[in-house]
Amino acid sequence: MTANNQSMDDIAEKIASGLRMLGGLKQGAESQVRSIVEGALSQFDVITHERMQVQEAMLSKAREELSALEARIKELETQMKDINK
């Protein structure tokens, strides 16, 4: 029975060792894939989601300012027409 227990312990240790090795391989593969994808994306003119959000906020503010300026121009044009009458 001791031989069976020893064999089972050896098998369990080999399985555990194999699983640890697979975990390490998985991490290595993920790192390598990430590196490849980042390298490929760096060749294109791609921006991050965070930077896109900043650009959208800036655009929204610019639109608001433009709208305010257009309203101000209309107001000034109206005043100029009233003065010229």
PDB file of N, CA and C in Angstrom:
ATOM      1  N   MET A   1       0.809  -1.175   0.000  1.00  0.00           N
ATOM      2  CA  MET A   1       0.000   0.000   0.000  1.00  0.00           C
ATOM      3  C   MET A   1       0.863   1.254   0.000  1.00  0.00           C
ATOM      4  N   THR A   2       2.016   1.184   0.613  1.00  0.00           N
ATOM      5  CA  THR A   2       2.918   2.320   0.638  1.00  0.00           C
ATOM      6  C   THR A   2       3.420   2.631  -0.758  1.00  0.00           C
ATOM      7  N   ALA A   3       3.650   1.623  -1.552  1.00  0.00           N
ATOM      8  CA  ALA A   3       4.099   1.826  -2.924  1.00  0.00           C
ATOM      9  C   ALA A   3       3.020   2.549  -3.725  1.00  0.00           C
ATOM     10  N   ASN A   4       1.748   2.176  -3.493  1.00  0.00           N
ATOM     11  CA  ASN A   4       0.638   2.847  -4.179  1.00  0.00           C
ATOM     12  C   ASN A   4       0.538   4.311  -3.767  1.00  0.00           C
ATOM     13  N   ASN A   5       0.690   4.566  -2.471  1.00  0.00           N
ATOM     14  CA  ASN A   5       0.636   5.951  -1.992  1.00  0.00           C
ATOM     15  C   ASN A   5       1.773   6.771  -2.585  1.00  0.00           C
ATOM     16  N   GLN A   6       2.966   6.154  -2.646  1.00  0.00           N
ATOM     17  CA  GLN A   6       4.125   6.842  -3.223  1.00  0.00           C
ATOM     18  C   GLN A   6       3.881   7.134  -4.700  1.00  0.00           C
ATOM     19  N   SER A   7       3.321   6.169  -5.415  1.00  0.00           N
ATOM     20  CA  SER A   7       3.024   6.366  -6.834  1.00  0.00           C
ATOM     21  C   SER A   7       1.987   7.465  -7.018  1.00  0.00           C
ATOM     22  N   MET A   8       0.976   7.480  -6.163  1.00  0.00           N
ATOM     23  CA  MET A   8      -0.055   8.515  -6.253  1.00  0.00           C
ATOM     24  C   MET A   8       0.538   9.880  -5.947  1.00  0.00           C
ATOM     25  N   ASP A   9       1.420   9.948  -4.948  1.00  0.00           N
ATOM     26  CA  ASP A   9       2.071  11.215  -4.611  1.00  0.00           C
ATOM     27  C   ASP A   9       2.939  11.700  -5.772  1.00  0.00           C
ATOM     28  N   ASP A  10       3.654  10.766  -6.405  1.00  0.00           N
ATOM     29  CA  ASP A  10       4.494  11.125  -7.556  1.00  0.00           C
ATOM     30  C   ASP A  10       3.640  11.645  -8.707  1.00  0.00           C
ATOM     31  N   ILE A  11       2.534  10.969  -8.971  1.00  0.00           N
ATOM     32  CA  ILE A  11       1.633  11.395 -10.046  1.00  0.00           C
ATOM     33  C   ILE A  11       1.045  12.767  -9.729  1.00  0.00           C
ATOM     34  N   ALA A  12       0.600  12.967  -8.497  1.00  0.00           N
ATOM     35  CA  ALA A  12       0.030  14.249  -8.100  1.00  0.00           C
ATOM     36  C   ALA A  12       1.061  15.359  -8.234  1.00  0.00           C
ATOM     37  N   GLU A  13       2.300  15.097  -7.834  1.00  0.00           N
ATOM     38  CA  GLU A  13       3.360  16.100  -7.943  1.00  0.00           C
ATOM     39  C   GLU A  13       3.658  16.422  -9.408  1.00  0.00           C
ATOM     40  N   LYS A  14       3.669  15.406 -10.257  1.00  0.00           N
ATOM     41  CA  LYS A  14       3.913  15.645 -11.679  1.00  0.00           C
ATOM     42  C   LYS A  14       2.786  16.473 -12.300  1.00  0.00           C
ATOM     43  N   ILE A  15       1.558  16.184 -11.918  1.00  0.00           N
ATOM     44  CA  ILE A  15       0.413  16.943 -12.430  1.00  0.00           C
ATOM     45  C   ILE A  15       0.503  18.394 -11.943  1.00  0.00           C
ATOM     46  N   ALA A  16       0.807  18.561 -10.654  1.00  0.00           N
ATOM     47  CA  ALA A  16       0.919  19.912 -10.103  1.00  0.00           C
ATOM     48  C   ALA A  16       2.048  20.669 -10.779  1.00  0.00           C
ATOM     49  N   SER A  17       3.143  20.021 -11.016  1.00  0.00           N
ATOM     50  CA  SER A  17       4.284  20.650 -11.697  1.00  0.00           C
ATOM     51  C   SER A  17       3.909  21.053 -13.118  1.00  0.00           C
ATOM     52  N   GLY A  18       3.196  20.172 -13.795  1.00  0.00           N
ATOM     53  CA  GLY A  18       2.741  20.474 -15.151  1.00  0.00           C
ATOM     54  C   GLY A  18       1.802  21.664 -15.187  1.00  0.00           C
ATOM     55  N   LEU A  19       0.900  21.732 -14.198  1.00  0.00           N
ATOM     56  CA  LEU A  19      -0.031  22.863 -14.121  1.00  0.00           C
ATOM     57  C   LEU A  19       0.701  24.176 -13.854  1.00  0.00           C
ATOM     58  N   ARG A  20       1.708  24.127 -12.974  1.00  0.00           N
ATOM     59  CA  ARG A  20       2.496  25.341 -12.708  1.00  0.00           C
ATOM     60  C   ARG A  20       3.216  25.786 -13.975  1.00  0.00           C
ATOM     61  N   MET A  21       3.757  24.825 -14.711  1.00  0.00           N
ATOM     62  CA  MET A  21       4.467  25.148 -15.952  1.00  0.00           C
ATOM     63  C   MET A  21       3.493  25.751 -16.966  1.00  0.00           C
ATOM     64  N   LEU A  22       2.277  25.185 -17.062  1.00  0.00           N
ATOM     65  CA  LEU A  22       1.277  25.733 -17.982  1.00  0.00           C
ATOM     66  C   LEU A  22       0.891  27.158 -17.597  1.00  0.00           C
ATOM     67  N   GLY A  23       0.778  27.414 -16.288  1.00  0.00           N
ATOM     68  CA  GLY A  23       0.475  28.768 -15.827  1.00  0.00           C
ATOM     69  C   GLY A  23       1.549  29.745 -16.250  1.00  0.00           C
ATOM     70  N   GLY A  24       2.795  29.342 -16.122  1.00  0.00           N
ATOM     71  CA  GLY A  24       3.912  30.189 -16.550  1.00  0.00           C
ATOM     72  C   GLY A  24       3.907  30.405 -18.052  1.00  0.00           C
ATOM     73  N   LEU A  25       3.596  29.352 -18.788  1.00  0.00           N
ATOM     74  CA  LEU A  25       3.527  29.479 -20.248  1.00  0.00           C
ATOM     75  C   LEU A  25       2.399  30.410 -20.659  1.00  0.00           C
ATOM     76  N   LYS A  26       1.265  30.326 -19.945  1.00  0.00           N
ATOM     77  CA  LYS A  26       0.129  31.189 -20.245  1.00  0.00           C
ATOM     78  C   LYS A  26       0.518  32.650 -20.054  1.00  0.00           C
ATOM     79  N   GLN A  27       1.165  32.955 -18.934  1.00  0.00           N
ATOM     80  CA  GLN A  27       1.577  34.333 -18.674  1.00  0.00           C
ATOM     81  C   GLN A  27       2.566  34.808 -19.736  1.00  0.00           C
ATOM     82  N   GLY A  28       3.491  33.953 -20.105  1.00  0.00           N
ATOM     83  CA  GLY A  28       4.469  34.303 -21.132  1.00  0.00           C
ATOM     84  C   GLY A  28       3.802  34.541 -22.473  1.00  0.00           C
ATOM     85  N   ALA A  29       2.836  33.688 -22.803  1.00  0.00           N
ATOM     86  CA  ALA A  29       2.122  33.827 -24.072  1.00  0.00           C
ATOM     87  C   ALA A  29       1.296  35.110 -24.076  1.00  0.00           C
ATOM     88  N   GLU A  30       0.623  35.418 -22.970  1.00  0.00           N
ATOM     89  CA  GLU A  30      -0.168  36.649 -22.887  1.00  0.00           C
ATOM     90  C   GLU A  30       0.723  37.871 -23.056  1.00  0.00           C
ATOM     91  N   SER A  31       1.870  37.831 -22.416  1.00  0.00           N
ATOM     92  CA  SER A  31       2.818  38.950 -22.514  1.00  0.00           C
ATOM     93  C   SER A  31       3.314  39.111 -23.941  1.00  0.00           C
ATOM     94  N   GLN A  32       3.604  38.001 -24.588  1.00  0.00           N
ATOM     95  CA  GLN A  32       4.108  38.048 -25.959  1.00  0.00           C
ATOM     96  C   GLN A  32       3.024  38.544 -26.917  1.00  0.00           C
ATOM     97  N   VAL A  33       1.808  38.070 -26.757  1.00  0.00           N
ATOM     98  CA  VAL A  33       0.702  38.518 -27.616  1.00  0.00           C
ATOM     99  C   VAL A  33       0.449  40.008 -27.405  1.00  0.00           C
ATOM    100  N   ARG A  34       0.460  40.456 -26.161  1.00  0.00           N
ATOM    101  CA  ARG A  34       0.265  41.881 -25.864  1.00  0.00           C
ATOM    102  C   ARG A  34       1.347  42.719 -26.551  1.00  0.00           C
ATOM    103  N   SER A  35       2.578  42.252 -26.472  1.00  0.00           N
ATOM    104  CA  SER A  35       3.682  42.968 -27.094  1.00  0.00           C
ATOM    105  C   SER A  35       3.517  43.041 -28.609  1.00  0.00           C
ATOM    106  N   ILE A  36       3.094  41.943 -29.221  1.00  0.00           N
ATOM    107  CA  ILE A  36       2.888  41.907 -30.672  1.00  0.00           C
ATOM    108  C   ILE A  36       1.771  42.856 -31.075  1.00  0.00           C
ATOM    109  N   VAL A  37       0.658  42.828 -30.349  1.00  0.00           N
ATOM    110  CA  VAL A  37      -0.480  43.689 -30.672  1.00  0.00           C
ATOM    111  C   VAL A  37      -0.104  45.160 -30.491  1.00  0.00           C
ATOM    112  N   GLU A  38       0.567  45.486 -29.385  1.00  0.00           N
ATOM    113  CA  GLU A  38       0.980  46.873 -29.157  1.00  0.00           C
ATOM    114  C   GLU A  38       1.930  47.336 -30.250  1.00  0.00           C
ATOM    115  N   GLY A  39       2.835  46.461 -30.669  1.00  0.00           N
ATOM    116  CA  GLY A  39       3.757  46.806 -31.752  1.00  0.00           C
ATOM    117  C   GLY A  39       3.018  47.052 -33.058  1.00  0.00           C
ATOM    118  N   ALA A  40       2.037  46.213 -33.346  1.00  0.00           N
ATOM    119  CA  ALA A  40       1.264  46.375 -34.581  1.00  0.00           C
ATOM    120  C   ALA A  40       0.442  47.656 -34.537  1.00  0.00           C
ATOM    121  N   LEU A  41      -0.179  47.939 -33.401  1.00  0.00           N
ATOM    122  CA  LEU A  41      -0.999  49.141 -33.282  1.00  0.00           C
ATOM    123  C   LEU A  41      -0.164  50.412 -33.323  1.00  0.00           C
ATOM    124  N   SER A  42       1.080  50.331 -32.873  1.00  0.00           N
ATOM    125  CA  SER A  42       1.926  51.522 -32.880  1.00  0.00           C
ATOM    126  C   SER A  42       2.244  51.979 -34.305  1.00  0.00           C
ATOM    127  N   GLN A  43       2.084  51.088 -35.275  1.00  0.00           N
ATOM    128  CA  GLN A  43       2.338  51.440 -36.676  1.00  0.00           C
ATOM    129  C   GLN A  43       1.174  52.209 -37.280  1.00  0.00           C
ATOM    130  N   PHE A  44       0.038  52.180 -36.606  1.00  0.00           N
ATOM    131  CA  PHE A  44      -1.142  52.886 -37.099  1.00  0.00           C
ATOM    132  C   PHE A  44      -1.366  54.137 -36.262  1.00  0.00           C
ATOM    133  N   ASP A  45      -2.178  55.008 -36.770  1.00  0.00           N
ATOM    134  CA  ASP A  45      -2.491  56.239 -36.057  1.00  0.00           C
ATOM    135  C   ASP A  45      -3.703  55.980 -35.167  1.00  0.00           C
ATOM    136  N   VAL A  46      -3.487  55.241 -34.071  1.00  0.00           N
ATOM    137  CA  VAL A  46      -4.557  54.816 -33.178  1.00  0.00           C
ATOM    138  C   VAL A  46      -4.415  55.569 -31.854  1.00  0.00           C
ATOM    139  N   ILE A  47      -5.553  55.991 -31.296  1.00  0.00           N
ATOM    140  CA  ILE A  47      -5.511  56.657 -29.996  1.00  0.00           C
ATOM    141  C   ILE A  47      -6.218  55.805 -28.961  1.00  0.00           C
ATOM    142  N   THR A  48      -5.906  56.072 -27.711  1.00  0.00           N
ATOM    143  CA  THR A  48      -6.522  55.312 -26.620  1.00  0.00           C
ATOM    144  C   THR A  48      -7.934  55.823 -26.363  1.00  0.00           C
ATOM    145  N   HIS A  49      -8.716  55.019 -25.674  1.00  0.00           N
ATOM    146  CA  HIS A  49     -10.083  55.400 -25.317  1.00  0.00           C
ATOM    147  C   HIS A  49     -10.061  56.661 -24.441  1.00  0.00           C
ATOM    148  N   GLU A  50      -9.123  56.701 -23.517  1.00  0.00           N
ATOM    149  CA  GLU A  50      -9.005  57.851 -22.614  1.00  0.00           C
ATOM    150  C   GLU A  50      -8.730  59.136 -23.399  1.00  0.00           C
ATOM    151  N   ARG A  51      -7.816  59.050 -24.344  1.00  0.00           N
ATOM    152  CA  ARG A  51      -7.497  60.233 -25.149  1.00  0.00           C
ATOM    153  C   ARG A  51      -8.690  60.635 -26.010  1.00  0.00           C
ATOM    154  N   MET A  52      -9.430  59.666 -26.484  1.00  0.00           N
ATOM    155  CA  MET A  52     -10.628  59.956 -27.284  1.00  0.00           C
ATOM    156  C   MET A  52     -11.658  60.694 -26.441  1.00  0.00           C
ATOM    157  N   GLN A  53     -11.819  60.302 -25.197  1.00  0.00           N
ATOM    158  CA  GLN A  53     -12.754  60.982 -24.310  1.00  0.00           C
ATOM    159  C   GLN A  53     -12.336  62.434 -24.094  1.00  0.00           C
ATOM    160  N   VAL A  54     -11.036  62.674 -23.949  1.00  0.00           N
ATOM    161  CA  VAL A  54     -10.537  64.035 -23.781  1.00  0.00           C
ATOM    162  C   VAL A  54     -10.847  64.857 -25.030  1.00  0.00           C
ATOM    163  N   GLN A  55     -10.615  64.262 -26.201  1.00  0.00           N
ATOM    164  CA  GLN A  55     -10.882  64.967 -27.456  1.00  0.00           C
ATOM    165  C   GLN A  55     -12.373  65.286 -27.601  1.00  0.00           C
ATOM    166  N   GLU A  56     -13.233  64.343 -27.212  1.00  0.00           N
ATOM    167  CA  GLU A  56     -14.680  64.574 -27.286  1.00  0.00           C
ATOM    168  C   GLU A  56     -15.101  65.712 -26.364  1.00  0.00           C
ATOM    169  N   ALA A  57     -14.510  65.772 -25.177  1.00  0.00           N
ATOM    170  CA  ALA A  57     -14.829  66.850 -24.231  1.00  0.00           C
ATOM    171  C   ALA A  57     -14.381  68.199 -24.792  1.00  0.00           C
ATOM    172  N   MET A  58     -13.201  68.220 -25.394  1.00  0.00           N
ATOM    173  CA  MET A  58     -12.699  69.464 -25.991  1.00  0.00           C
ATOM    174  C   MET A  58     -13.594  69.907 -27.148  1.00  0.00           C
ATOM    175  N   LEU A  59     -14.027  68.974 -27.954  1.00  0.00           N
ATOM    176  CA  LEU A  59     -14.904  69.286 -29.074  1.00  0.00           C
ATOM    177  C   LEU A  59     -16.240  69.823 -28.587  1.00  0.00           C
ATOM    178  N   SER A  60     -16.777  69.214 -27.556  1.00  0.00           N
ATOM    179  CA  SER A  60     -18.048  69.673 -26.994  1.00  0.00           C
ATOM    180  C   SER A  60     -17.917  71.108 -26.489  1.00  0.00           C
ATOM    181  N   LYS A  61     -16.830  71.401 -25.800  1.00  0.00           N
ATOM    182  CA  LYS A  61     -16.606  72.755 -25.291  1.00  0.00           C
ATOM    183  C   LYS A  61     -16.466  73.740 -26.448  1.00  0.00           C
ATOM    184  N   ALA A  62     -15.738  73.347 -27.488  1.00  0.00           N
ATOM    185  CA  ALA A  62     -15.557  74.223 -28.646  1.00  0.00           C
ATOM    186  C   ALA A  62     -16.897  74.503 -29.322  1.00  0.00           C
ATOM    187  N   ARG A  63     -17.754  73.497 -29.406  1.00  0.00           N
ATOM    188  CA  ARG A  63     -19.082  73.696 -30.003  1.00  0.00           C
ATOM    189  C   ARG A  63     -19.914  74.679 -29.185  1.00  0.00           C
ATOM    190  N   GLU A  64     -19.842  74.552 -27.871  1.00  0.00           N
ATOM    191  CA  GLU A  64     -20.572  75.479 -27.001  1.00  0.00           C
ATOM    192  C   GLU A  64     -20.071  76.909 -27.181  1.00  0.00           C
ATOM    193  N   GLU A  65     -18.753  77.060 -27.246  1.00  0.00           N
ATOM    194  CA  GLU A  65     -18.174  78.390 -27.434  1.00  0.00           C
ATOM    195  C   GLU A  65     -18.557  78.966 -28.796  1.00  0.00           C
ATOM    196  N   LEU A  66     -18.555  78.128 -29.815  1.00  0.00           N
ATOM    197  CA  LEU A  66     -18.940  78.569 -31.155  1.00  0.00           C
ATOM    198  C   LEU A  66     -20.393  79.020 -31.178  1.00  0.00           C
ATOM    199  N   SER A  67     -21.240  78.273 -30.527  1.00  0.00           N
ATOM    200  CA  SER A  67     -22.652  78.631 -30.458  1.00  0.00           C
ATOM    201  C   SER A  67     -22.828  79.978 -29.756  1.00  0.00           C
ATOM    202  N   ALA A  68     -22.102  80.194 -28.671  1.00  0.00           N
ATOM    203  CA  ALA A  68     -22.177  81.464 -27.939  1.00  0.00           C
ATOM    204  C   ALA A  68     -21.667  82.609 -28.818  1.00  0.00           C
ATOM    205  N   LEU A  69     -20.605  82.377 -29.564  1.00  0.00           N
ATOM    206  CA  LEU A  69     -20.061  83.411 -30.452  1.00  0.00           C
ATOM    207  C   LEU A  69     -21.037  83.741 -31.583  1.00  0.00           C
ATOM    208  N   GLU A  70     -21.672  82.716 -32.126  1.00  0.00           N
ATOM    209  CA  GLU A  70     -22.658  82.951 -33.191  1.00  0.00           C
ATOM    210  C   GLU A  70     -23.817  83.802 -32.662  1.00  0.00           C
ATOM    211  N   ALA A  71     -24.269  83.505 -31.453  1.00  0.00           N
ATOM    212  CA  ALA A  71     -25.355  84.288 -30.852  1.00  0.00           C
ATOM    213  C   ALA A  71     -24.905  85.722 -30.630  1.00  0.00           C
ATOM    214  N   ARG A  72     -23.678  85.894 -30.193  1.00  0.00           N
ATOM    215  CA  ARG A  72     -23.149  87.247 -29.961  1.00  0.00           C
ATOM    216  C   ARG A  72     -23.037  88.026 -31.275  1.00  0.00           C
ATOM    217  N   ILE A  73     -22.608  87.365 -32.329  1.00  0.00           N
ATOM    218  CA  ILE A  73     -22.502  88.018 -33.643  1.00  0.00           C
ATOM    219  C   ILE A  73     -23.880  88.470 -34.116  1.00  0.00           C
ATOM    220  N   LYS A  74     -24.869  87.608 -33.980  1.00  0.00           N
ATOM    221  CA  LYS A  74     -26.237  87.972 -34.383  1.00  0.00           C
ATOM    222  C   LYS A  74     -26.719  89.180 -33.592  1.00  0.00           C
ATOM    223  N   GLU A  75     -26.424  89.184 -32.306  1.00  0.00           N
ATOM    224  CA  GLU A  75     -26.815  90.309 -31.461  1.00  0.00           C
ATOM    225  C   GLU A  75     -26.137  91.603 -31.931  1.00  0.00           C
ATOM    226  N   LEU A  76     -24.856  91.526 -32.214  1.00  0.00           N
ATOM    227  CA  LEU A  76     -24.125  92.707 -32.682  1.00  0.00           C
ATOM    228  C   LEU A  76     -24.619  93.170 -34.049  1.00  0.00           C
ATOM    229  N   GLU A  77     -24.950  92.216 -34.929  1.00  0.00           N
ATOM    230  CA  GLU A  77     -25.495  92.585 -36.250  1.00  0.00           C
ATOM    231  C   GLU A  77     -26.824  93.313 -36.093  1.00  0.00           C
ATOM    232  N   THR A  78     -27.634  92.834 -35.167  1.00  0.00           N
ATOM    233  CA  THR A  78     -28.931  93.481 -34.911  1.00  0.00           C
ATOM    234  C   THR A  78     -28.693  94.906 -34.389  1.00  0.00           C
ATOM    235  N   GLN A  79     -27.767  95.073 -33.488  1.00  0.00           N
ATOM    236  CA  GLN A  79     -27.460  96.396 -32.957  1.00  0.00           C
ATOM    237  C   GLN A  79     -26.938  97.324 -34.053  1.00  0.00           C
ATOM    238  N   MET A  80     -26.121  96.785 -34.948  1.00  0.00           N
ATOM    239  CA  MET A  80     -25.582  97.597 -36.053  1.00  0.00           C
ATOM    240  C   MET A  80     -26.706  98.035 -36.979  1.00  0.00           C
ATOM    241  N   LYS A  81     -27.654  97.137 -37.250  1.00  0.00           N
ATOM    242  CA  LYS A  81     -28.795  97.497 -38.114  1.00  0.00           C
ATOM    243  C   LYS A  81     -29.623  98.599 -37.476  1.00  0.00           C
ATOM    244  N   ASP A  82     -29.818  98.504 -36.152  1.00  0.00           N
ATOM    245  CA  ASP A  82     -30.608  99.512 -35.434  1.00  0.00           C
ATOM    246  C   ASP A  82     -29.897 100.865 -35.466  1.00  0.00           C
ATOM    247  N   ILE A  83     -28.581 100.872 -35.366  1.00  0.00           N
ATOM    248  CA  ILE A  83     -27.832 102.119 -35.393  1.00  0.00           C
ATOM    249  C   ILE A  83     -27.890 102.749 -36.767  1.00  0.00           C
ATOM    250  N   ASN A  84     -27.841 101.937 -37.816  1.00  0.00           N
ATOM    251  CA  ASN A  84     -27.829 102.428 -39.206  1.00  0.00           C
ATOM    252  C   ASN A  84     -29.213 102.879 -39.688  1.00  0.00           C
ATOM    253  N   LYS A  85     -30.249 102.651 -38.961  1.00  0.00           N
ATOM    254  CA  LYS A  85     -31.601 103.040 -39.398  1.00  0.00           C
ATOM    255  C   LYS A  85     -31.835 104.479 -39.239  1.00  0.00           C
TER     256      LYS A  85
END
